[in-house]
Amino acid sequence: MADQANFEDDAMQFAPQLYSAALRMTRNPADAEDVVQETFLKAYRGYHTFQEGTNLKAWLYRILTNTYINRYRKKTRRPQEVELGELED
């Protein structure tokens, strides 16, 4: 089990690579930042389950990918929003 006190030292080195991957997925800088931020939050909360000696980068990429997929699914389930002024009579 990993120590959460070491999370910043261990995981933050992958932030630029995770952002690049998120940008390729979302094609939007703001959405990519949101996905990376949510990824690090989930990773921090679950860092106690991470097995020392395994591939931290792969673990973070899996969290990133799952976070993107969940956000995409949630977005596609939501009905399309239209401004009231755009509706025709």
N, C-alpha and C. Protein backbone atom coordinates (compact mmCIF):
# COMPACT_ATOMS: atom_id res chain seq x y z
N MET A 1 0.84 -1.19 0.00
CA MET A 1 0.00 0.00 0.00
C MET A 1 0.87 1.24 0.00
N ALA A 2 0.43 2.23 -0.72
CA ALA A 2 1.21 3.46 -0.86
C ALA A 2 0.82 4.46 0.22
N ASP A 3 1.75 5.31 0.56
CA ASP A 3 1.54 6.34 1.56
C ASP A 3 1.06 7.61 0.87
N GLN A 4 -0.08 8.15 1.29
CA GLN A 4 -0.63 9.34 0.64
C GLN A 4 0.27 10.56 0.79
N ALA A 5 1.15 10.56 1.77
CA ALA A 5 2.08 11.68 1.93
C ALA A 5 3.04 11.76 0.74
N ASN A 6 3.29 10.65 0.08
CA ASN A 6 4.19 10.62 -1.07
C ASN A 6 3.47 10.84 -2.39
N PHE A 7 2.17 11.00 -2.37
CA PHE A 7 1.40 11.10 -3.61
C PHE A 7 1.91 12.22 -4.50
N GLU A 8 2.10 13.40 -3.94
CA GLU A 8 2.52 14.53 -4.76
C GLU A 8 3.85 14.26 -5.44
N ASP A 9 4.81 13.75 -4.70
CA ASP A 9 6.13 13.45 -5.28
C ASP A 9 6.04 12.38 -6.35
N ASP A 10 5.24 11.37 -6.11
CA ASP A 10 5.16 10.24 -7.03
C ASP A 10 4.31 10.53 -8.27
N ALA A 11 3.16 11.12 -8.08
CA ALA A 11 2.18 11.22 -9.16
C ALA A 11 2.24 12.51 -9.98
N MET A 12 2.60 13.60 -9.36
CA MET A 12 2.52 14.89 -10.07
C MET A 12 3.51 15.00 -11.23
N GLN A 13 4.53 14.16 -11.24
CA GLN A 13 5.47 14.19 -12.36
C GLN A 13 4.81 13.78 -13.67
N PHE A 14 3.67 13.10 -13.59
CA PHE A 14 2.97 12.64 -14.78
C PHE A 14 1.90 13.63 -15.26
N ALA A 15 1.75 14.75 -14.60
CA ALA A 15 0.70 15.71 -14.95
C ALA A 15 0.78 16.18 -16.40
N PRO A 16 1.94 16.57 -16.93
CA PRO A 16 1.98 17.01 -18.33
C PRO A 16 1.58 15.91 -19.31
N GLN A 17 2.00 14.68 -19.04
CA GLN A 17 1.64 13.57 -19.92
C GLN A 17 0.15 13.25 -19.85
N LEU A 18 -0.40 13.32 -18.66
CA LEU A 18 -1.84 13.08 -18.50
C LEU A 18 -2.64 14.17 -19.19
N TYR A 19 -2.17 15.41 -19.10
CA TYR A 19 -2.87 16.51 -19.77
C TYR A 19 -2.85 16.31 -21.28
N SER A 20 -1.72 15.90 -21.83
CA SER A 20 -1.63 15.65 -23.27
C SER A 20 -2.61 14.56 -23.70
N ALA A 21 -2.68 13.50 -22.92
CA ALA A 21 -3.61 12.42 -23.24
C ALA A 21 -5.06 12.90 -23.13
N ALA A 22 -5.36 13.67 -22.11
CA ALA A 22 -6.72 14.19 -21.93
C ALA A 22 -7.08 15.15 -23.06
N LEU A 23 -6.13 15.94 -23.51
CA LEU A 23 -6.38 16.86 -24.61
C LEU A 23 -6.67 16.10 -25.90
N ARG A 24 -5.98 15.00 -26.13
CA ARG A 24 -6.27 14.17 -27.30
C ARG A 24 -7.68 13.58 -27.21
N MET A 25 -8.10 13.23 -26.00
CA MET A 25 -9.44 12.64 -25.83
C MET A 25 -10.54 13.68 -25.98
N THR A 26 -10.37 14.82 -25.32
CA THR A 26 -11.45 15.81 -25.26
C THR A 26 -11.43 16.81 -26.40
N ARG A 27 -10.23 17.08 -26.94
CA ARG A 27 -10.03 18.09 -27.98
C ARG A 27 -10.44 19.48 -27.51
N ASN A 28 -10.37 19.69 -26.21
CA ASN A 28 -10.75 20.98 -25.63
C ASN A 28 -9.87 21.20 -24.39
N PRO A 29 -9.08 22.29 -24.38
CA PRO A 29 -8.16 22.51 -23.25
C PRO A 29 -8.86 22.59 -21.89
N ALA A 30 -10.00 23.26 -21.82
CA ALA A 30 -10.70 23.39 -20.54
C ALA A 30 -11.21 22.04 -20.05
N ASP A 31 -11.78 21.25 -20.96
CA ASP A 31 -12.26 19.92 -20.58
C ASP A 31 -11.10 19.01 -20.18
N ALA A 32 -9.98 19.14 -20.88
CA ALA A 32 -8.80 18.33 -20.55
C ALA A 32 -8.31 18.65 -19.15
N GLU A 33 -8.28 19.93 -18.80
CA GLU A 33 -7.86 20.32 -17.45
C GLU A 33 -8.81 19.75 -16.41
N ASP A 34 -10.12 19.78 -16.70
CA ASP A 34 -11.10 19.23 -15.76
C ASP A 34 -10.91 17.72 -15.57
N VAL A 35 -10.67 17.02 -16.67
CA VAL A 35 -10.49 15.56 -16.58
C VAL A 35 -9.23 15.23 -15.78
N VAL A 36 -8.15 15.98 -16.02
CA VAL A 36 -6.90 15.73 -15.28
C VAL A 36 -7.09 16.04 -13.80
N GLN A 37 -7.77 17.13 -13.51
CA GLN A 37 -8.00 17.49 -12.11
C GLN A 37 -8.83 16.41 -11.41
N GLU A 38 -9.87 15.95 -12.07
CA GLU A 38 -10.71 14.90 -11.49
C GLU A 38 -9.92 13.59 -11.34
N THR A 39 -9.03 13.33 -12.29
CA THR A 39 -8.19 12.14 -12.22
C THR A 39 -7.29 12.18 -10.99
N PHE A 40 -6.65 13.32 -10.76
CA PHE A 40 -5.77 13.42 -9.60
C PHE A 40 -6.55 13.35 -8.29
N LEU A 41 -7.75 13.88 -8.27
CA LEU A 41 -8.57 13.78 -7.07
C LEU A 41 -8.92 12.32 -6.78
N LYS A 42 -9.36 11.60 -7.81
CA LYS A 42 -9.69 10.18 -7.63
C LYS A 42 -8.46 9.37 -7.25
N ALA A 43 -7.34 9.69 -7.88
CA ALA A 43 -6.10 8.96 -7.58
C ALA A 43 -5.66 9.22 -6.15
N TYR A 44 -5.77 10.45 -5.70
CA TYR A 44 -5.37 10.78 -4.32
C TYR A 44 -6.25 10.03 -3.32
N ARG A 45 -7.55 10.04 -3.60
CA ARG A 45 -8.48 9.35 -2.68
C ARG A 45 -8.24 7.85 -2.65
N GLY A 46 -7.81 7.29 -3.77
CA GLY A 46 -7.60 5.85 -3.83
C GLY A 46 -6.15 5.43 -3.74
N TYR A 47 -5.27 6.36 -3.43
CA TYR A 47 -3.83 6.06 -3.42
C TYR A 47 -3.47 5.00 -2.38
N HIS A 48 -4.24 4.90 -1.34
CA HIS A 48 -3.97 3.87 -0.32
C HIS A 48 -4.13 2.46 -0.88
N THR A 49 -4.86 2.31 -1.98
CA THR A 49 -5.05 0.99 -2.59
C THR A 49 -3.98 0.67 -3.62
N PHE A 50 -3.18 1.67 -4.01
CA PHE A 50 -2.14 1.46 -5.01
C PHE A 50 -1.05 0.56 -4.44
N GLN A 51 -0.66 -0.44 -5.20
CA GLN A 51 0.37 -1.39 -4.79
C GLN A 51 1.75 -0.83 -5.14
N GLU A 52 2.57 -0.58 -4.13
CA GLU A 52 3.94 -0.12 -4.36
C GLU A 52 4.66 -1.11 -5.27
N GLY A 53 5.47 -0.60 -6.17
CA GLY A 53 6.23 -1.46 -7.06
C GLY A 53 5.52 -1.77 -8.36
N THR A 54 4.25 -1.40 -8.48
CA THR A 54 3.54 -1.58 -9.74
C THR A 54 3.64 -0.28 -10.53
N ASN A 55 3.06 -0.26 -11.70
CA ASN A 55 3.21 0.85 -12.63
C ASN A 55 2.25 2.00 -12.29
N LEU A 56 2.76 3.03 -11.64
CA LEU A 56 1.94 4.18 -11.25
C LEU A 56 1.40 4.92 -12.46
N LYS A 57 2.22 5.06 -13.48
CA LYS A 57 1.80 5.77 -14.69
C LYS A 57 0.60 5.07 -15.34
N ALA A 58 0.67 3.75 -15.45
CA ALA A 58 -0.43 2.99 -16.04
C ALA A 58 -1.69 3.11 -15.18
N TRP A 59 -1.52 3.11 -13.87
CA TRP A 59 -2.66 3.26 -12.95
C TRP A 59 -3.33 4.61 -13.16
N LEU A 60 -2.52 5.67 -13.27
CA LEU A 60 -3.07 7.01 -13.48
C LEU A 60 -3.75 7.12 -14.84
N TYR A 61 -3.16 6.53 -15.88
CA TYR A 61 -3.78 6.56 -17.21
C TYR A 61 -5.11 5.82 -17.21
N ARG A 62 -5.21 4.73 -16.47
CA ARG A 62 -6.48 3.99 -16.40
C ARG A 62 -7.54 4.85 -15.72
N ILE A 63 -7.16 5.54 -14.65
CA ILE A 63 -8.11 6.43 -13.97
C ILE A 63 -8.52 7.55 -14.92
N LEU A 64 -7.58 8.12 -15.65
CA LEU A 64 -7.86 9.19 -16.62
C LEU A 64 -8.84 8.70 -17.68
N THR A 65 -8.57 7.54 -18.24
CA THR A 65 -9.44 7.00 -19.29
C THR A 65 -10.84 6.72 -18.76
N ASN A 66 -10.94 6.11 -17.60
CA ASN A 66 -12.26 5.83 -17.02
C ASN A 66 -13.00 7.12 -16.68
N THR A 67 -12.29 8.13 -16.21
CA THR A 67 -12.91 9.41 -15.91
C THR A 67 -13.46 10.05 -17.17
N TYR A 68 -12.69 10.01 -18.25
CA TYR A 68 -13.16 10.57 -19.52
C TYR A 68 -14.40 9.81 -20.01
N ILE A 69 -14.35 8.49 -19.97
CA ILE A 69 -15.49 7.69 -20.43
C ILE A 69 -16.74 8.00 -19.62
N ASN A 70 -16.61 8.08 -18.31
CA ASN A 70 -17.77 8.39 -17.46
C ASN A 70 -18.33 9.76 -17.76
N ARG A 71 -17.46 10.75 -17.97
CA ARG A 71 -17.93 12.10 -18.30
C ARG A 71 -18.63 12.10 -19.66
N TYR A 72 -18.10 11.37 -20.63
CA TYR A 72 -18.69 11.30 -21.96
C TYR A 72 -20.07 10.64 -21.89
N ARG A 73 -20.17 9.55 -21.16
CA ARG A 73 -21.46 8.87 -21.02
C ARG A 73 -22.50 9.77 -20.35
N LYS A 74 -22.08 10.47 -19.32
CA LYS A 74 -22.99 11.37 -18.61
C LYS A 74 -23.46 12.49 -19.54
N LYS A 75 -22.54 12.99 -20.34
CA LYS A 75 -22.86 14.08 -21.27
C LYS A 75 -23.83 13.62 -22.35
N THR A 76 -23.68 12.39 -22.84
CA THR A 76 -24.57 11.90 -23.90
C THR A 76 -25.95 11.54 -23.37
N ARG A 77 -26.06 11.25 -22.09
CA ARG A 77 -27.36 10.93 -21.50
C ARG A 77 -28.20 12.17 -21.23
N ARG A 78 -27.54 13.31 -21.09
CA ARG A 78 -28.24 14.55 -20.78
C ARG A 78 -28.89 15.09 -22.04
N PRO A 79 -30.15 15.52 -21.97
CA PRO A 79 -30.80 16.08 -23.15
C PRO A 79 -30.10 17.36 -23.60
N GLN A 80 -30.21 17.62 -24.89
CA GLN A 80 -29.57 18.81 -25.45
C GLN A 80 -30.22 20.06 -24.87
N GLU A 81 -29.38 21.01 -24.47
CA GLU A 81 -29.88 22.26 -23.89
C GLU A 81 -29.97 23.32 -24.98
N VAL A 82 -31.10 24.03 -24.98
CA VAL A 82 -31.33 25.08 -25.98
C VAL A 82 -31.75 26.34 -25.25
N GLU A 83 -31.21 27.48 -25.66
CA GLU A 83 -31.61 28.76 -25.09
C GLU A 83 -33.05 29.07 -25.50
N LEU A 84 -33.80 29.68 -24.61
CA LEU A 84 -35.20 29.99 -24.91
C LEU A 84 -35.33 30.91 -26.10
N GLY A 85 -34.40 31.82 -26.29
CA GLY A 85 -34.45 32.75 -27.41
C GLY A 85 -34.22 32.07 -28.75
N GLU A 86 -33.65 30.88 -28.76
CA GLU A 86 -33.37 30.17 -29.99
C GLU A 86 -34.56 29.37 -30.50
N LEU A 87 -35.57 29.16 -29.67
CA LEU A 87 -36.73 28.38 -30.07
C LEU A 87 -37.63 29.19 -30.98
N GLU A 88 -38.14 28.52 -32.02
CA GLU A 88 -39.07 29.19 -32.93
C GLU A 88 -40.50 28.91 -32.49
N ASP A 89 -41.37 29.83 -32.80
CA ASP A 89 -42.79 29.66 -32.44
C ASP A 89 -43.48 28.69 -33.35
